[in-house]
Amino acid sequence: MKTIGSKTVWLLCLFALPVCAQKARFKPVFTNMTEFGMSFGQVRYNVTNFTENVSKRQTITAQTFNGVQLRPKLAVGGTVGVDWYTSALLMPVCAGVRYDLAQPGKKNLRVFTSLDTGYGFAWLNEDPTGYETRGGWVISPGIGFRIGRPQNANFILSLSYKRQEAEADKPLGWNEIYKFESRVYNRVALRIGLSF
């Protein structure tokens, strides 16, 4: 009876060893996702002191995520981008997470989610005389598709929401002490790109 029991234990260990070795085999690797696209939204602004206008805006956006693939489904890193708004050029620098919703395998189409949060800087913005634009906090959740084999470069199609804050000082008019504008850019971004 002892011999059968010990043989069973050895047999189970023998079958479990490849499973344990397979889980321990994954090593963190560098990952990159670079995307370009358009962002869409509406803007409400004052025409005079008594009237407001609402208009649709489409602007260009680009970003690159560089990080470490910690697990087969999880990557963490940093995102640097450029957003061309009508009245500002902002550069968001964010911490980012990418998470695959399906188990990585041999499928050529995979769904992933993303979350970036950080601060948008106005380093590249050129203000007219008397204006001063400053960046602000940014958050951007999203979802997307990777098309291609997991071990190779992949084509990316993503859809995300971005909330970007900014502030601007404006030139003073007659009998004004200060003129300050607080902006919140709410945009939906559609991007394409490459991942490796």
N, C-alpha and C. Protein backbone atom coordinates (compact mmCIF):
# COMPACT_ATOMS: atom_id res chain seq x y z
N MET A 1 0.82 -1.20 0.00
CA MET A 1 0.00 0.00 0.00
C MET A 1 0.86 1.26 0.00
N LYS A 2 1.98 1.21 0.77
CA LYS A 2 2.87 2.37 0.82
C LYS A 2 3.53 2.60 -0.53
N THR A 3 3.87 1.50 -1.21
CA THR A 3 4.51 1.61 -2.52
C THR A 3 3.59 2.25 -3.54
N ILE A 4 2.31 1.89 -3.55
CA ILE A 4 1.35 2.47 -4.48
C ILE A 4 1.15 3.95 -4.18
N GLY A 5 1.09 4.30 -2.90
CA GLY A 5 0.90 5.70 -2.50
C GLY A 5 2.09 6.56 -2.90
N SER A 6 3.30 6.06 -2.67
CA SER A 6 4.48 6.85 -3.02
C SER A 6 4.64 6.97 -4.53
N LYS A 7 4.26 5.90 -5.26
CA LYS A 7 4.31 5.98 -6.73
C LYS A 7 3.32 7.01 -7.25
N THR A 8 2.14 7.07 -6.62
CA THR A 8 1.13 8.05 -7.02
C THR A 8 1.63 9.48 -6.79
N VAL A 9 2.26 9.69 -5.63
CA VAL A 9 2.80 11.02 -5.32
C VAL A 9 3.87 11.40 -6.33
N TRP A 10 4.79 10.46 -6.64
CA TRP A 10 5.84 10.74 -7.62
C TRP A 10 5.25 11.00 -9.00
N LEU A 11 4.23 10.28 -9.36
CA LEU A 11 3.58 10.46 -10.64
C LEU A 11 2.92 11.84 -10.74
N LEU A 12 2.24 12.26 -9.67
CA LEU A 12 1.62 13.59 -9.63
C LEU A 12 2.67 14.69 -9.72
N CYS A 13 3.77 14.51 -9.00
CA CYS A 13 4.85 15.50 -9.06
C CYS A 13 5.44 15.59 -10.46
N LEU A 14 5.55 14.45 -11.10
CA LEU A 14 6.10 14.42 -12.44
C LEU A 14 5.21 15.18 -13.44
N PHE A 15 3.88 15.04 -13.28
CA PHE A 15 2.96 15.77 -14.16
C PHE A 15 2.83 17.24 -13.76
N ALA A 16 2.98 17.56 -12.48
CA ALA A 16 2.86 18.94 -12.01
C ALA A 16 4.10 19.76 -12.33
N LEU A 17 5.25 19.10 -12.45
CA LEU A 17 6.50 19.81 -12.70
C LEU A 17 6.46 20.65 -13.97
N PRO A 18 5.99 20.14 -15.12
CA PRO A 18 5.94 21.01 -16.31
C PRO A 18 5.00 22.19 -16.13
N VAL A 19 3.90 22.03 -15.39
CA VAL A 19 2.97 23.13 -15.16
C VAL A 19 3.63 24.20 -14.32
N CYS A 20 4.31 23.81 -13.24
CA CYS A 20 5.01 24.77 -12.38
C CYS A 20 6.14 25.45 -13.14
N ALA A 21 6.86 24.68 -13.91
CA ALA A 21 7.97 25.24 -14.68
C ALA A 21 7.47 26.23 -15.72
N GLN A 22 6.31 25.96 -16.31
CA GLN A 22 5.75 26.85 -17.32
C GLN A 22 5.36 28.20 -16.70
N LYS A 23 4.79 28.19 -15.50
CA LYS A 23 4.42 29.44 -14.86
C LYS A 23 5.65 30.23 -14.46
N ALA A 24 6.68 29.58 -14.01
CA ALA A 24 7.89 30.26 -13.57
C ALA A 24 8.75 30.71 -14.74
N ARG A 25 8.47 30.23 -15.94
CA ARG A 25 9.29 30.51 -17.10
C ARG A 25 9.14 31.94 -17.61
N PHE A 26 8.02 32.63 -17.35
CA PHE A 26 7.80 33.97 -17.89
C PHE A 26 8.76 34.97 -17.26
N LYS A 27 9.45 35.72 -18.09
CA LYS A 27 10.37 36.75 -17.62
C LYS A 27 9.86 38.10 -18.11
N PRO A 28 9.93 39.14 -17.27
CA PRO A 28 9.50 40.48 -17.70
C PRO A 28 10.30 40.95 -18.91
N VAL A 29 9.61 41.55 -19.87
CA VAL A 29 10.24 42.06 -21.08
C VAL A 29 9.75 43.48 -21.37
N PHE A 30 10.52 44.21 -22.16
CA PHE A 30 10.14 45.56 -22.58
C PHE A 30 8.96 45.49 -23.55
N THR A 31 8.04 46.45 -23.45
CA THR A 31 6.92 46.53 -24.38
C THR A 31 6.70 47.99 -24.79
N ASN A 32 6.21 48.18 -26.00
CA ASN A 32 5.96 49.52 -26.52
C ASN A 32 4.66 49.52 -27.32
N MET A 33 3.87 50.60 -27.15
CA MET A 33 2.68 50.83 -27.96
C MET A 33 2.73 52.28 -28.42
N THR A 34 2.85 52.50 -29.71
CA THR A 34 2.90 53.86 -30.26
C THR A 34 1.69 54.06 -31.15
N GLU A 35 0.93 55.15 -30.87
CA GLU A 35 -0.35 55.37 -31.55
C GLU A 35 -0.50 56.82 -32.02
N PHE A 36 -1.21 56.99 -33.14
CA PHE A 36 -1.56 58.30 -33.68
C PHE A 36 -3.05 58.30 -34.01
N GLY A 37 -3.70 59.47 -33.90
CA GLY A 37 -5.11 59.50 -34.24
C GLY A 37 -5.74 60.86 -34.09
N MET A 38 -7.06 60.83 -33.94
CA MET A 38 -7.87 62.05 -33.82
C MET A 38 -8.64 62.00 -32.50
N SER A 39 -8.83 63.17 -31.91
CA SER A 39 -9.70 63.27 -30.74
C SER A 39 -10.90 64.15 -31.11
N PHE A 40 -12.06 63.78 -30.57
CA PHE A 40 -13.32 64.43 -30.92
C PHE A 40 -14.01 64.93 -29.66
N GLY A 41 -14.62 66.11 -29.74
CA GLY A 41 -15.37 66.65 -28.61
C GLY A 41 -16.12 67.91 -28.99
N GLN A 42 -16.86 68.43 -28.03
CA GLN A 42 -17.58 69.69 -28.20
C GLN A 42 -17.06 70.69 -27.18
N VAL A 43 -17.11 71.96 -27.57
CA VAL A 43 -16.61 73.03 -26.72
C VAL A 43 -17.68 74.10 -26.58
N ARG A 44 -17.88 74.55 -25.34
CA ARG A 44 -18.76 75.69 -25.07
C ARG A 44 -17.87 76.87 -24.72
N TYR A 45 -18.09 78.01 -25.38
CA TYR A 45 -17.27 79.18 -25.12
C TYR A 45 -18.11 80.45 -25.24
N ASN A 46 -17.62 81.52 -24.60
CA ASN A 46 -18.31 82.82 -24.61
C ASN A 46 -17.95 83.59 -25.87
N VAL A 47 -18.98 84.11 -26.53
CA VAL A 47 -18.77 85.00 -27.66
C VAL A 47 -18.71 86.43 -27.14
N THR A 48 -19.67 86.79 -26.32
CA THR A 48 -19.67 88.08 -25.60
C THR A 48 -19.98 87.76 -24.15
N ASN A 49 -20.21 88.78 -23.35
CA ASN A 49 -20.54 88.55 -21.94
C ASN A 49 -21.89 87.88 -21.75
N PHE A 50 -22.76 87.95 -22.75
CA PHE A 50 -24.13 87.44 -22.57
C PHE A 50 -24.46 86.23 -23.43
N THR A 51 -23.63 85.89 -24.41
CA THR A 51 -23.97 84.77 -25.30
C THR A 51 -22.86 83.72 -25.30
N GLU A 52 -23.28 82.48 -25.48
CA GLU A 52 -22.34 81.35 -25.57
C GLU A 52 -22.55 80.61 -26.88
N ASN A 53 -21.51 79.97 -27.35
CA ASN A 53 -21.57 79.12 -28.53
C ASN A 53 -21.07 77.73 -28.17
N VAL A 54 -21.57 76.72 -28.88
CA VAL A 54 -21.07 75.36 -28.75
C VAL A 54 -20.64 74.90 -30.13
N SER A 55 -19.43 74.37 -30.23
CA SER A 55 -18.96 73.90 -31.53
C SER A 55 -18.22 72.57 -31.38
N LYS A 56 -18.21 71.81 -32.46
CA LYS A 56 -17.51 70.53 -32.49
C LYS A 56 -16.04 70.77 -32.83
N ARG A 57 -15.16 69.99 -32.20
CA ARG A 57 -13.74 70.11 -32.46
C ARG A 57 -13.12 68.75 -32.73
N GLN A 58 -12.26 68.68 -33.72
CA GLN A 58 -11.46 67.49 -34.01
C GLN A 58 -10.00 67.93 -33.98
N THR A 59 -9.20 67.23 -33.22
CA THR A 59 -7.79 67.59 -33.10
C THR A 59 -6.92 66.34 -33.24
N ILE A 60 -5.63 66.56 -33.43
CA ILE A 60 -4.68 65.46 -33.61
C ILE A 60 -4.09 65.08 -32.26
N THR A 61 -3.88 63.77 -32.07
CA THR A 61 -3.29 63.26 -30.84
C THR A 61 -2.31 62.15 -31.16
N ALA A 62 -1.27 62.04 -30.36
CA ALA A 62 -0.27 60.98 -30.53
C ALA A 62 0.27 60.61 -29.15
N GLN A 63 0.63 59.34 -28.97
CA GLN A 63 1.22 58.93 -27.70
C GLN A 63 2.04 57.67 -27.87
N THR A 64 2.98 57.48 -26.94
CA THR A 64 3.76 56.25 -26.91
C THR A 64 3.83 55.76 -25.47
N PHE A 65 3.54 54.47 -25.31
CA PHE A 65 3.61 53.80 -24.01
C PHE A 65 4.84 52.91 -24.02
N ASN A 66 5.72 53.09 -23.04
CA ASN A 66 6.91 52.26 -22.89
C ASN A 66 6.89 51.68 -21.49
N GLY A 67 7.01 50.36 -21.41
CA GLY A 67 6.91 49.75 -20.10
C GLY A 67 7.48 48.35 -20.06
N VAL A 68 7.11 47.66 -19.00
CA VAL A 68 7.57 46.30 -18.75
C VAL A 68 6.36 45.38 -18.69
N GLN A 69 6.43 44.29 -19.45
CA GLN A 69 5.39 43.27 -19.42
C GLN A 69 5.69 42.39 -18.21
N LEU A 70 5.01 42.70 -17.07
CA LEU A 70 5.27 41.98 -15.83
C LEU A 70 4.70 40.58 -15.82
N ARG A 71 3.55 40.42 -16.41
CA ARG A 71 2.84 39.14 -16.51
C ARG A 71 2.37 39.00 -17.96
N PRO A 72 1.96 37.81 -18.36
CA PRO A 72 1.49 37.67 -19.75
C PRO A 72 0.34 38.60 -20.10
N LYS A 73 -0.47 39.02 -19.09
CA LYS A 73 -1.62 39.88 -19.38
C LYS A 73 -1.44 41.32 -18.88
N LEU A 74 -0.37 41.62 -18.13
CA LEU A 74 -0.22 42.92 -17.47
C LEU A 74 1.09 43.60 -17.82
N ALA A 75 0.99 44.88 -18.24
CA ALA A 75 2.17 45.71 -18.50
C ALA A 75 2.00 47.04 -17.78
N VAL A 76 3.07 47.53 -17.17
CA VAL A 76 3.06 48.84 -16.50
C VAL A 76 4.22 49.66 -17.06
N GLY A 77 4.04 50.98 -17.08
CA GLY A 77 5.10 51.83 -17.60
C GLY A 77 4.69 53.28 -17.62
N GLY A 78 5.25 54.01 -18.57
CA GLY A 78 4.97 55.44 -18.70
C GLY A 78 4.48 55.77 -20.10
N THR A 79 3.65 56.80 -20.18
CA THR A 79 3.09 57.25 -21.46
C THR A 79 3.46 58.72 -21.65
N VAL A 80 3.96 59.03 -22.83
CA VAL A 80 4.25 60.42 -23.20
C VAL A 80 3.49 60.68 -24.49
N GLY A 81 2.80 61.82 -24.54
CA GLY A 81 2.00 62.12 -25.72
C GLY A 81 2.03 63.58 -26.09
N VAL A 82 1.34 63.90 -27.17
CA VAL A 82 1.16 65.28 -27.61
C VAL A 82 -0.28 65.41 -28.07
N ASP A 83 -0.98 66.43 -27.55
CA ASP A 83 -2.36 66.71 -27.92
C ASP A 83 -2.45 68.13 -28.47
N TRP A 84 -2.86 68.27 -29.74
CA TRP A 84 -3.00 69.56 -30.39
C TRP A 84 -4.44 70.03 -30.24
N TYR A 85 -4.72 70.83 -29.22
CA TYR A 85 -6.03 71.44 -29.08
C TYR A 85 -6.03 72.75 -29.86
N THR A 86 -7.20 73.32 -30.10
CA THR A 86 -7.28 74.54 -30.91
C THR A 86 -6.50 75.68 -30.28
N SER A 87 -6.57 75.82 -28.95
CA SER A 87 -5.91 76.95 -28.29
C SER A 87 -4.72 76.55 -27.44
N ALA A 88 -4.29 75.29 -27.48
CA ALA A 88 -3.15 74.86 -26.68
C ALA A 88 -2.53 73.61 -27.27
N LEU A 89 -1.23 73.47 -27.06
CA LEU A 89 -0.49 72.27 -27.41
C LEU A 89 0.05 71.69 -26.11
N LEU A 90 -0.53 70.57 -25.66
CA LEU A 90 -0.17 70.01 -24.37
C LEU A 90 0.53 68.68 -24.53
N MET A 91 1.43 68.41 -23.60
CA MET A 91 2.23 67.18 -23.61
C MET A 91 1.98 66.41 -22.32
N PRO A 92 1.05 65.43 -22.33
CA PRO A 92 0.80 64.65 -21.12
C PRO A 92 1.91 63.64 -20.85
N VAL A 93 2.37 63.61 -19.61
CA VAL A 93 3.35 62.63 -19.13
C VAL A 93 2.65 61.84 -18.04
N CYS A 94 2.44 60.55 -18.26
CA CYS A 94 1.56 59.76 -17.39
C CYS A 94 2.19 58.44 -16.98
N ALA A 95 1.71 57.89 -15.87
CA ALA A 95 1.94 56.50 -15.53
C ALA A 95 0.84 55.70 -16.22
N GLY A 96 1.18 54.53 -16.76
CA GLY A 96 0.21 53.78 -17.54
C GLY A 96 0.18 52.30 -17.22
N VAL A 97 -1.00 51.70 -17.46
CA VAL A 97 -1.21 50.28 -17.28
C VAL A 97 -1.90 49.75 -18.52
N ARG A 98 -1.48 48.57 -19.01
CA ARG A 98 -2.14 47.88 -20.10
C ARG A 98 -2.46 46.46 -19.62
N TYR A 99 -3.71 46.03 -19.84
CA TYR A 99 -4.14 44.72 -19.35
C TYR A 99 -4.93 44.00 -20.42
N ASP A 100 -4.49 42.81 -20.79
CA ASP A 100 -5.21 41.99 -21.78
C ASP A 100 -6.39 41.31 -21.11
N LEU A 101 -7.55 41.38 -21.73
CA LEU A 101 -8.76 40.78 -21.15
C LEU A 101 -8.82 39.28 -21.39
N ALA A 102 -8.18 38.78 -22.42
CA ALA A 102 -8.18 37.34 -22.72
C ALA A 102 -6.81 36.76 -22.39
N GLN A 103 -6.80 35.50 -22.10
CA GLN A 103 -5.54 34.80 -21.82
C GLN A 103 -4.67 34.81 -23.07
N PRO A 104 -3.40 35.27 -22.96
CA PRO A 104 -2.54 35.26 -24.14
C PRO A 104 -2.38 33.85 -24.69
N GLY A 105 -2.43 33.75 -25.97
CA GLY A 105 -2.32 32.45 -26.61
C GLY A 105 -1.90 32.64 -28.04
N LYS A 106 -2.45 31.84 -28.91
CA LYS A 106 -2.09 31.90 -30.32
C LYS A 106 -3.09 32.71 -31.14
N LYS A 107 -4.04 33.36 -30.47
CA LYS A 107 -5.05 34.13 -31.20
C LYS A 107 -4.42 35.37 -31.83
N ASN A 108 -4.89 35.71 -33.02
CA ASN A 108 -4.37 36.89 -33.72
C ASN A 108 -5.14 38.16 -33.41
N LEU A 109 -6.24 38.08 -32.65
CA LEU A 109 -7.02 39.24 -32.26
C LEU A 109 -7.23 39.20 -30.75
N ARG A 110 -6.72 40.21 -30.05
CA ARG A 110 -6.82 40.26 -28.59
C ARG A 110 -7.37 41.62 -28.16
N VAL A 111 -8.17 41.62 -27.11
CA VAL A 111 -8.74 42.84 -26.54
C VAL A 111 -7.92 43.24 -25.33
N PHE A 112 -7.61 44.55 -25.21
CA PHE A 112 -6.88 45.04 -24.04
C PHE A 112 -7.55 46.31 -23.51
N THR A 113 -7.29 46.60 -22.24
CA THR A 113 -7.74 47.86 -21.64
C THR A 113 -6.51 48.67 -21.26
N SER A 114 -6.71 49.97 -21.10
CA SER A 114 -5.60 50.85 -20.75
C SER A 114 -6.07 51.91 -19.76
N LEU A 115 -5.14 52.39 -18.96
CA LEU A 115 -5.41 53.50 -18.05
C LEU A 115 -4.13 54.31 -17.90
N ASP A 116 -4.21 55.60 -18.23
CA ASP A 116 -3.08 56.52 -18.08
C ASP A 116 -3.53 57.68 -17.20
N THR A 117 -2.68 58.08 -16.27
CA THR A 117 -2.97 59.25 -15.45
C THR A 117 -1.67 59.97 -15.12
N GLY A 118 -1.73 61.29 -15.15
CA GLY A 118 -0.53 62.08 -14.90
C GLY A 118 -0.80 63.56 -15.05
N TYR A 119 0.14 64.27 -15.65
CA TYR A 119 0.06 65.72 -15.77
C TYR A 119 0.40 66.13 -17.20
N GLY A 120 -0.40 67.03 -17.76
CA GLY A 120 -0.15 67.56 -19.09
C GLY A 120 0.63 68.86 -18.99
N PHE A 121 1.79 68.91 -19.61
CA PHE A 121 2.64 70.10 -19.56
C PHE A 121 2.47 70.93 -20.83
N ALA A 122 2.70 72.24 -20.70
CA ALA A 122 2.58 73.16 -21.84
C ALA A 122 3.96 73.55 -22.36
N TRP A 123 4.91 72.63 -22.28
CA TRP A 123 6.28 72.91 -22.70
C TRP A 123 6.36 73.28 -24.18
N LEU A 124 5.57 72.67 -25.03
CA LEU A 124 5.66 72.89 -26.47
C LEU A 124 4.72 73.99 -26.96
N ASN A 125 3.88 74.51 -26.07
CA ASN A 125 2.88 75.51 -26.46
C ASN A 125 3.53 76.87 -26.66
N GLU A 126 3.12 77.56 -27.70
CA GLU A 126 3.60 78.92 -27.98
C GLU A 126 2.43 79.87 -27.80
N ASP A 127 2.51 80.73 -26.77
CA ASP A 127 1.42 81.67 -26.46
C ASP A 127 1.61 83.00 -27.17
N PRO A 128 0.48 83.65 -27.56
CA PRO A 128 0.57 85.03 -28.06
C PRO A 128 0.98 85.96 -26.92
N THR A 129 1.36 87.17 -27.25
CA THR A 129 1.77 88.16 -26.25
C THR A 129 0.64 88.41 -25.25
N GLY A 130 0.96 88.35 -23.98
CA GLY A 130 -0.01 88.61 -22.93
C GLY A 130 -0.73 87.37 -22.41
N TYR A 131 -0.57 86.24 -23.10
CA TYR A 131 -1.20 84.99 -22.68
C TYR A 131 -0.16 84.09 -21.99
N GLU A 132 -0.63 83.28 -21.07
CA GLU A 132 0.24 82.26 -20.47
C GLU A 132 -0.60 81.01 -20.20
N THR A 133 -0.29 79.93 -20.91
CA THR A 133 -1.03 78.68 -20.77
C THR A 133 -0.24 77.71 -19.90
N ARG A 134 -0.94 77.07 -18.97
CA ARG A 134 -0.35 76.06 -18.11
C ARG A 134 -1.16 74.78 -18.24
N GLY A 135 -0.49 73.67 -18.10
CA GLY A 135 -1.16 72.37 -18.19
C GLY A 135 -1.86 72.02 -16.89
N GLY A 136 -2.30 70.76 -16.79
CA GLY A 136 -3.00 70.29 -15.60
C GLY A 136 -3.11 68.78 -15.61
N TRP A 137 -3.86 68.27 -14.66
CA TRP A 137 -4.02 66.83 -14.50
C TRP A 137 -4.75 66.20 -15.68
N VAL A 138 -4.41 64.96 -15.96
CA VAL A 138 -5.02 64.23 -17.07
C VAL A 138 -5.29 62.79 -16.63
N ILE A 139 -6.42 62.25 -17.12
CA ILE A 139 -6.74 60.84 -16.92
C ILE A 139 -7.35 60.32 -18.21
N SER A 140 -6.98 59.08 -18.58
CA SER A 140 -7.43 58.54 -19.85
C SER A 140 -7.61 57.03 -19.78
N PRO A 141 -8.85 56.54 -19.57
CA PRO A 141 -9.12 55.10 -19.68
C PRO A 141 -9.47 54.75 -21.12
N GLY A 142 -9.22 53.50 -21.51
CA GLY A 142 -9.53 53.11 -22.88
C GLY A 142 -9.62 51.61 -23.07
N ILE A 143 -9.99 51.24 -24.29
CA ILE A 143 -10.09 49.84 -24.69
C ILE A 143 -9.61 49.74 -26.13
N GLY A 144 -9.04 48.59 -26.49
CA GLY A 144 -8.53 48.47 -27.85
C GLY A 144 -8.34 47.03 -28.28
N PHE A 145 -7.89 46.89 -29.53
CA PHE A 145 -7.63 45.58 -30.13
C PHE A 145 -6.19 45.51 -30.59
N ARG A 146 -5.57 44.37 -30.38
CA ARG A 146 -4.26 44.07 -30.96
C ARG A 146 -4.48 43.03 -32.04
N ILE A 147 -3.97 43.29 -33.22
CA ILE A 147 -4.14 42.37 -34.33
C ILE A 147 -2.75 41.89 -34.76
N GLY A 148 -2.52 40.60 -34.64
CA GLY A 148 -1.23 40.02 -34.99
C GLY A 148 -0.84 38.95 -33.99
N ARG A 149 0.20 38.22 -34.30
CA ARG A 149 0.65 37.16 -33.41
C ARG A 149 1.28 37.76 -32.16
N PRO A 150 1.08 37.13 -30.99
CA PRO A 150 1.59 37.69 -29.73
C PRO A 150 3.09 37.93 -29.70
N GLN A 151 3.89 37.11 -30.36
CA GLN A 151 5.34 37.24 -30.30
C GLN A 151 5.88 38.29 -31.28
N ASN A 152 5.05 38.75 -32.22
CA ASN A 152 5.50 39.68 -33.25
C ASN A 152 4.95 41.09 -33.00
N ALA A 153 5.32 42.02 -33.87
CA ALA A 153 4.73 43.36 -33.83
C ALA A 153 3.25 43.25 -34.17
N ASN A 154 2.43 44.04 -33.48
CA ASN A 154 0.98 43.99 -33.65
C ASN A 154 0.46 45.34 -34.12
N PHE A 155 -0.61 45.29 -34.89
CA PHE A 155 -1.36 46.48 -35.28
C PHE A 155 -2.35 46.78 -34.14
N ILE A 156 -2.53 48.06 -33.77
CA ILE A 156 -3.41 48.44 -32.67
C ILE A 156 -4.51 49.36 -33.19
N LEU A 157 -5.71 49.15 -32.70
CA LEU A 157 -6.84 50.06 -32.90
C LEU A 157 -7.43 50.29 -31.52
N SER A 158 -7.45 51.56 -31.05
CA SER A 158 -7.92 51.82 -29.68
C SER A 158 -8.90 52.99 -29.65
N LEU A 159 -9.76 52.95 -28.64
CA LEU A 159 -10.74 54.00 -28.38
C LEU A 159 -10.61 54.37 -26.91
N SER A 160 -10.41 55.66 -26.61
CA SER A 160 -10.22 56.07 -25.22
C SER A 160 -10.90 57.40 -24.96
N TYR A 161 -11.14 57.65 -23.69
CA TYR A 161 -11.66 58.94 -23.22
C TYR A 161 -10.51 59.66 -22.53
N LYS A 162 -10.38 60.97 -22.77
CA LYS A 162 -9.33 61.74 -22.11
C LYS A 162 -9.91 63.00 -21.50
N ARG A 163 -9.62 63.21 -20.22
CA ARG A 163 -9.99 64.43 -19.52
C ARG A 163 -8.70 65.16 -19.17
N GLN A 164 -8.49 66.32 -19.79
CA GLN A 164 -7.27 67.10 -19.63
C GLN A 164 -7.61 68.48 -19.08
N GLU A 165 -6.99 68.87 -17.98
CA GLU A 165 -7.19 70.20 -17.41
C GLU A 165 -6.09 71.13 -17.88
N ALA A 166 -6.42 72.41 -17.99
CA ALA A 166 -5.44 73.44 -18.35
C ALA A 166 -5.92 74.78 -17.81
N GLU A 167 -5.00 75.71 -17.69
CA GLU A 167 -5.31 77.07 -17.22
C GLU A 167 -4.63 78.07 -18.14
N ALA A 168 -5.21 79.25 -18.23
CA ALA A 168 -4.61 80.30 -19.07
C ALA A 168 -4.86 81.67 -18.46
N ASP A 169 -3.80 82.48 -18.41
CA ASP A 169 -3.94 83.90 -18.07
C ASP A 169 -4.06 84.66 -19.38
N LYS A 170 -4.99 85.63 -19.42
CA LYS A 170 -5.23 86.40 -20.65
C LYS A 170 -4.86 87.86 -20.43
N PRO A 171 -4.64 88.60 -21.52
CA PRO A 171 -4.31 90.03 -21.37
C PRO A 171 -5.47 90.78 -20.72
N LEU A 172 -5.13 91.75 -19.91
CA LEU A 172 -6.15 92.53 -19.20
C LEU A 172 -6.79 93.55 -20.12
N GLY A 173 -8.09 93.69 -19.96
CA GLY A 173 -8.84 94.72 -20.67
C GLY A 173 -9.01 95.95 -19.80
N TRP A 174 -9.86 96.87 -20.25
CA TRP A 174 -10.09 98.11 -19.53
C TRP A 174 -10.70 97.83 -18.17
N ASN A 175 -10.12 98.35 -17.13
CA ASN A 175 -10.63 98.28 -15.75
C ASN A 175 -10.70 96.83 -15.23
N GLU A 176 -9.79 95.95 -15.66
CA GLU A 176 -9.74 94.58 -15.17
C GLU A 176 -8.49 94.37 -14.32
N ILE A 177 -8.65 93.67 -13.22
CA ILE A 177 -7.52 93.38 -12.34
C ILE A 177 -6.81 92.11 -12.79
N TYR A 178 -7.58 91.07 -13.15
CA TYR A 178 -7.00 89.85 -13.69
C TYR A 178 -8.01 89.18 -14.61
N LYS A 179 -7.50 88.38 -15.52
CA LYS A 179 -8.35 87.62 -16.43
C LYS A 179 -7.78 86.20 -16.49
N PHE A 180 -8.55 85.25 -16.00
CA PHE A 180 -8.08 83.88 -15.82
C PHE A 180 -9.08 82.93 -16.46
N GLU A 181 -8.59 81.91 -17.13
CA GLU A 181 -9.47 80.93 -17.77
C GLU A 181 -9.07 79.53 -17.32
N SER A 182 -10.05 78.78 -16.84
CA SER A 182 -9.84 77.38 -16.46
C SER A 182 -10.49 76.51 -17.52
N ARG A 183 -9.72 75.61 -18.11
CA ARG A 183 -10.22 74.77 -19.21
C ARG A 183 -10.22 73.31 -18.80
N VAL A 184 -11.21 72.58 -19.28
CA VAL A 184 -11.24 71.12 -19.15
C VAL A 184 -11.56 70.57 -20.53
N TYR A 185 -10.60 69.85 -21.10
CA TYR A 185 -10.80 69.24 -22.41
C TYR A 185 -11.30 67.81 -22.19
N ASN A 186 -12.53 67.54 -22.60
CA ASN A 186 -13.10 66.20 -22.56
C ASN A 186 -13.15 65.70 -24.00
N ARG A 187 -12.39 64.65 -24.30
CA ARG A 187 -12.28 64.17 -25.67
C ARG A 187 -12.40 62.65 -25.73
N VAL A 188 -12.91 62.17 -26.85
CA VAL A 188 -12.87 60.76 -27.19
C VAL A 188 -11.82 60.63 -28.29
N ALA A 189 -10.84 59.76 -28.08
CA ALA A 189 -9.74 59.62 -29.03
C ALA A 189 -9.81 58.27 -29.73
N LEU A 190 -9.68 58.30 -31.05
CA LEU A 190 -9.60 57.09 -31.86
C LEU A 190 -8.20 57.05 -32.47
N ARG A 191 -7.44 56.00 -32.13
CA ARG A 191 -6.05 55.93 -32.56
C ARG A 191 -5.72 54.60 -33.23
N ILE A 192 -4.72 54.64 -34.10
CA ILE A 192 -4.15 53.41 -34.67
C ILE A 192 -2.67 53.45 -34.40
N GLY A 193 -2.04 52.28 -34.38
CA GLY A 193 -0.61 52.26 -34.12
C GLY A 193 -0.02 50.88 -34.17
N LEU A 194 1.17 50.75 -33.59
CA LEU A 194 1.92 49.50 -33.55
C LEU A 194 2.32 49.16 -32.12
N SER A 195 2.39 47.87 -31.85
CA SER A 195 2.82 47.38 -30.55
C SER A 195 3.86 46.29 -30.75
N PHE A 196 4.89 46.31 -29.92
CA PHE A 196 5.86 45.22 -29.95
C PHE A 196 6.40 44.96 -28.56
